[in-house]
Amino acid sequence: MTASRAEVCVVACAEAWRGDGEIAASPMGLVPTAGARLARATFEPDLLLTDGEARFVTGTWALGAIPGDPVEGWIPFRSVFDLVWAGRRHVMMSPAQIDRYGNANISAIGDHARPTRQLLGARGAPGNTVNHPTSYWVPRHQPRVFVPRVDMVSGVGYDRAFAAGAVAAAFLELRRVVTNLAVLDFGGPDRSMRLVSVHPGVTVEDVVAATGFELAIDGDVSQTRSPTPDELRLIRAVIDPSGLRDDEVPS
């Protein structure tokens, strides 16, 4: 079975949680949510997933559906901060802008005094990036998202963490950036963004052209792995039988 681009992205998002063990996965967006559920259903069974309200639940359920499996824990809003401060969470957010060192903007586009676009506000991004692993999902990889300098820093990047001192830098872990074209990390010089893999059908040149700054590229770039037959079955029959993933990443 040939996987769609969206299904490759689901697997790439799932891989961001590999090795995390018993921590809370907090995906934002359809494809990251499918990825977190796929990770828990396959190689990362100890991940904690919520019903989107105030409960940790077991099992694997479809996007948009109410989980039918037993509740394994209660996580009211006030308790989320305990998880954040303890580092027992790994969030995958979607930035409006991100730069080569991982500074992310989810707040406003344009001059801060008179922005041309008002977005969510900084929300929990500062606390996320200084307390626990943070990854990013970008459904449309383009220069207006991957910018030389973000208009406002909501989530902290490596250059700012280094400038704040060794303690701040030690606590920052930006794990992955997954897009509709590629997988990236921050393994470049001075912890700059590096191209890790390109999705099937995408070239390195495609990713470079869609990025508004110079990416670190170490030799030959691999291809993002495709789902296994069992992973495809889970995605198509259990996690997303309605095909909502294709609305976020059209084939």
Protein backbone atom coordinates (compact mmCIF):
# COMPACT_ATOMS: atom_id res chain seq x y z
CA MET A 1 0.00 0.00 0.00
CA THR A 2 1.30 3.43 -0.94
CA ALA A 3 1.10 6.04 1.80
CA SER A 4 -0.19 9.54 1.15
CA ARG A 5 1.81 12.63 2.09
CA ALA A 6 -0.49 13.15 5.07
CA GLU A 7 0.16 9.62 6.31
CA VAL A 8 3.92 10.12 6.05
CA CYS A 9 3.48 13.30 8.11
CA VAL A 10 1.47 11.39 10.73
CA VAL A 11 4.34 8.93 11.15
CA ALA A 12 6.93 11.73 11.23
CA CYS A 13 4.96 13.42 14.02
CA ALA A 14 4.65 10.11 15.89
CA GLU A 15 8.44 9.70 15.77
CA ALA A 16 8.89 12.96 17.69
CA TRP A 17 7.54 11.19 20.80
CA ARG A 18 9.74 8.11 20.42
CA GLY A 19 11.59 7.36 23.64
CA ASP A 20 9.52 9.74 25.79
CA GLY A 21 7.97 7.07 27.99
CA GLU A 22 5.38 8.02 30.60
CA ILE A 23 4.86 11.71 29.93
CA ALA A 24 1.92 13.72 28.63
CA ALA A 25 1.83 14.16 24.87
CA SER A 26 0.14 17.42 23.88
CA PRO A 27 -0.39 17.54 20.11
CA MET A 28 -2.03 20.54 18.45
CA GLY A 29 -3.58 19.94 15.03
CA LEU A 30 -5.10 16.94 13.29
CA VAL A 31 -1.90 15.37 11.99
CA PRO A 32 0.05 15.73 15.28
CA THR A 33 -2.94 14.31 17.19
CA ALA A 34 -3.04 11.33 14.86
CA GLY A 35 0.72 11.00 15.31
CA ALA A 36 0.52 10.94 19.10
CA ARG A 37 -2.20 8.30 19.04
CA LEU A 38 -0.20 6.24 16.55
CA ALA A 39 2.92 6.47 18.73
CA ARG A 40 1.00 5.28 21.80
CA ALA A 41 -0.65 2.45 19.83
CA THR A 42 2.67 1.14 18.51
CA PHE A 43 6.14 1.94 19.85
CA GLU A 44 5.44 4.28 22.80
CA PRO A 45 2.69 2.58 24.87
CA ASP A 46 3.36 4.55 28.09
CA LEU A 47 2.49 7.96 26.62
CA LEU A 48 -0.34 9.77 28.38
CA LEU A 49 -3.10 11.13 26.13
CA THR A 50 -6.06 13.26 27.13
CA ASP A 51 -9.62 13.35 25.89
CA GLY A 52 -9.19 17.08 25.21
CA GLU A 53 -10.93 17.97 28.43
CA ALA A 54 -9.64 16.91 31.86
CA ARG A 55 -8.96 13.18 31.71
CA PHE A 56 -6.15 10.86 30.68
CA VAL A 57 -7.64 7.96 28.75
CA THR A 58 -6.43 4.58 27.52
CA GLY A 59 -6.79 2.98 24.11
CA THR A 60 -6.83 4.42 20.60
CA TRP A 61 -9.79 6.31 19.20
CA ALA A 62 -10.73 8.19 16.05
CA LEU A 63 -10.16 11.88 15.44
CA GLY A 64 -13.31 13.79 16.35
CA ALA A 65 -14.74 10.90 18.36
CA ILE A 66 -15.27 10.56 22.10
CA PRO A 67 -12.88 7.99 23.61
CA GLY A 68 -14.69 4.90 24.81
CA ASP A 69 -11.92 3.29 26.83
CA PRO A 70 -11.44 3.60 30.60
CA VAL A 71 -10.20 6.78 32.20
CA GLU A 72 -6.75 6.34 33.78
CA GLY A 73 -6.28 9.75 35.37
CA TRP A 74 -7.70 13.20 36.02
CA ILE A 75 -5.89 16.28 34.71
CA PRO A 76 -7.83 19.46 35.53
CA PHE A 77 -6.40 22.68 34.13
CA ARG A 78 -4.58 23.62 37.33
CA SER A 79 -2.69 20.32 37.24
CA VAL A 80 -1.35 21.00 33.75
CA PHE A 81 1.05 23.54 35.24
CA ASP A 82 2.47 20.88 37.57
CA LEU A 83 3.24 18.73 34.52
CA VAL A 84 4.78 21.68 32.66
CA TRP A 85 7.01 22.79 35.52
CA ALA A 86 8.12 19.23 36.21
CA GLY A 87 9.05 18.69 32.56
CA ARG A 88 6.63 15.74 32.25
CA ARG A 89 5.11 16.91 28.96
CA HIS A 90 6.08 17.12 25.29
CA VAL A 91 4.02 19.55 23.25
CA MET A 92 3.82 19.88 19.47
CA MET A 93 2.66 23.38 18.54
CA SER A 94 2.05 25.07 15.17
CA PRO A 95 3.93 28.36 14.79
CA ALA A 96 2.88 31.18 12.49
CA GLN A 97 6.59 31.99 12.16
CA ILE A 98 9.78 30.19 13.14
CA ASP A 99 13.43 31.15 12.58
CA ARG A 100 16.65 29.19 12.17
CA TYR A 101 17.26 28.94 15.93
CA GLY A 102 13.73 27.88 16.82
CA ASN A 103 12.27 31.17 18.04
CA ALA A 104 8.56 30.74 17.35
CA ASN A 105 5.76 33.27 16.96
CA ILE A 106 2.11 32.46 17.64
CA SER A 107 1.16 35.97 18.78
CA ALA A 108 1.09 38.63 16.04
CA ILE A 109 2.38 39.41 12.55
CA GLY A 110 3.97 42.79 11.90
CA ASP A 111 5.06 45.53 14.25
CA HIS A 112 4.04 44.68 17.81
CA ALA A 113 2.56 48.16 18.40
CA ARG A 114 0.33 47.89 15.30
CA PRO A 115 0.31 44.30 14.06
CA THR A 116 -1.19 43.49 10.69
CA ARG A 117 -2.49 40.16 12.05
CA GLN A 118 -3.44 39.38 15.63
CA LEU A 119 -3.02 35.70 16.47
CA LEU A 120 -3.38 33.67 19.68
CA GLY A 121 -1.02 35.63 21.88
CA ALA A 122 2.02 34.07 23.53
CA ARG A 123 -0.21 31.70 25.55
CA GLY A 124 1.82 28.85 27.04
CA ALA A 125 4.65 28.94 24.51
CA PRO A 126 7.25 30.62 26.77
CA GLY A 127 6.65 28.15 29.60
CA ASN A 128 6.61 25.20 27.23
CA THR A 129 9.98 26.00 25.71
CA VAL A 130 11.77 26.57 29.02
CA ASN A 131 10.27 23.63 30.92
CA HIS A 132 9.87 20.59 28.68
CA PRO A 133 10.47 19.21 25.18
CA THR A 134 8.78 21.17 22.41
CA SER A 135 8.28 20.22 18.79
CA TYR A 136 6.56 22.06 15.96
CA TRP A 137 4.17 21.09 13.17
CA VAL A 138 3.91 23.26 10.04
CA PRO A 139 1.28 22.03 7.56
CA ARG A 140 2.46 24.45 4.83
CA HIS A 141 6.21 24.84 4.59
CA GLN A 142 6.79 28.28 3.05
CA PRO A 143 9.07 31.33 3.43
CA ARG A 144 6.39 33.34 5.25
CA VAL A 145 6.54 30.76 8.06
CA PHE A 146 10.28 29.98 8.00
CA VAL A 147 11.55 33.53 8.39
CA PRO A 148 14.96 35.10 9.11
CA ARG A 149 13.54 36.83 12.20
CA VAL A 150 10.17 36.30 13.88
CA ASP A 151 8.02 39.38 14.50
CA MET A 152 7.54 38.38 18.14
CA VAL A 153 9.20 35.68 20.22
CA SER A 154 6.52 33.52 21.82
CA GLY A 155 8.55 30.33 22.13
CA VAL A 156 12.25 30.63 22.97
CA GLY A 157 14.95 29.60 20.47
CA TYR A 158 18.51 28.45 21.07
CA ASP A 159 20.21 31.78 20.34
CA ARG A 160 18.14 33.54 23.00
CA ALA A 161 18.59 30.70 25.46
CA PHE A 162 22.38 30.84 25.00
CA ALA A 163 22.31 34.61 25.47
CA ALA A 164 20.45 34.16 28.76
CA GLY A 165 23.16 31.87 30.11
CA ALA A 166 24.14 28.25 30.53
CA VAL A 167 21.25 27.40 32.85
CA ALA A 168 18.62 28.60 30.37
CA ALA A 169 20.31 26.78 27.50
CA ALA A 170 20.48 23.55 29.50
CA PHE A 171 16.70 23.45 29.94
CA LEU A 172 15.79 24.13 26.30
CA GLU A 173 14.94 21.11 24.17
CA LEU A 174 13.46 21.77 20.76
CA ARG A 175 13.00 18.24 19.48
CA ARG A 176 11.64 18.30 15.93
CA VAL A 177 10.02 20.44 13.27
CA VAL A 178 7.75 18.38 11.02
CA THR A 179 6.25 19.97 7.91
CA ASN A 180 4.35 18.85 4.84
CA LEU A 181 7.72 18.68 3.05
CA ALA A 182 10.32 17.52 5.53
CA VAL A 183 11.59 16.77 9.03
CA LEU A 184 14.05 19.18 10.62
CA ASP A 185 15.88 19.49 13.93
CA PHE A 186 18.36 21.87 15.57
CA GLY A 187 21.55 19.93 15.04
CA GLY A 188 23.20 22.57 12.86
CA PRO A 189 26.01 24.96 13.85
CA ASP A 190 25.17 26.86 17.07
CA ARG A 191 21.99 24.73 17.29
CA SER A 192 20.58 26.13 14.06
CA MET A 193 17.88 24.36 12.07
CA ARG A 194 19.05 21.32 10.13
CA LEU A 195 17.31 19.35 7.39
CA VAL A 196 16.96 15.75 8.61
CA SER A 197 14.81 14.14 5.91
CA VAL A 198 12.56 14.96 2.98
CA HIS A 199 9.22 13.26 2.43
CA PRO A 200 8.75 10.93 -0.56
CA GLY A 201 8.38 12.98 -3.74
CA VAL A 202 10.09 16.05 -2.21
CA THR A 203 13.62 17.19 -3.06
CA VAL A 204 16.14 19.02 -0.93
CA GLU A 205 15.85 21.90 -3.41
CA ASP A 206 12.09 22.06 -2.77
CA VAL A 207 12.69 22.51 0.96
CA VAL A 208 15.47 25.06 0.50
CA ALA A 209 13.26 27.13 -1.82
CA ALA A 210 10.43 27.07 0.73
CA THR A 211 12.65 28.26 3.61
CA GLY A 212 13.43 31.93 4.21
CA PHE A 213 16.88 31.31 5.73
CA GLU A 214 19.86 29.03 5.16
CA LEU A 215 19.34 25.51 6.44
CA ALA A 216 22.15 23.34 7.76
CA ILE A 217 22.51 20.29 5.51
CA ASP A 218 24.87 17.46 6.46
CA GLY A 219 25.74 15.52 3.32
CA ASP A 220 23.08 13.32 1.77
CA VAL A 221 19.61 13.88 3.21
CA SER A 222 17.57 10.76 3.85
CA GLN A 223 13.93 10.16 2.98
CA THR A 224 11.32 10.26 5.72
CA ARG A 225 10.16 6.75 6.45
CA SER A 226 6.76 5.63 5.24
CA PRO A 227 4.22 3.94 7.52
CA THR A 228 4.46 0.21 8.02
CA PRO A 229 1.44 -1.87 6.92
CA ASP A 230 0.24 -2.04 10.53
CA GLU A 231 0.66 1.71 10.97
CA LEU A 232 -1.30 2.34 7.77
CA ARG A 233 -4.07 0.09 9.05
CA LEU A 234 -4.23 1.99 12.33
CA ILE A 235 -4.26 5.38 10.61
CA ARG A 236 -6.90 4.48 8.05
CA ALA A 237 -9.19 2.18 10.03
CA VAL A 238 -8.84 3.28 13.65
CA ILE A 239 -7.31 6.73 14.13
CA ASP A 240 -8.64 8.62 11.11
CA PRO A 241 -11.24 6.57 9.22
CA SER A 242 -12.88 9.81 7.97
CA GLY A 243 -9.70 10.98 6.23
CA LEU A 244 -9.44 14.26 8.12
CA ARG A 245 -5.65 14.15 7.73
CA ASP A 246 -6.03 14.94 4.02
CA ASP A 247 -7.75 18.22 4.87
CA GLU A 248 -4.59 19.36 6.67
CA VAL A 249 -2.12 17.91 4.16
CA PRO A 250 -3.73 17.43 0.73
CA SER A 251 -2.14 14.75 -1.45
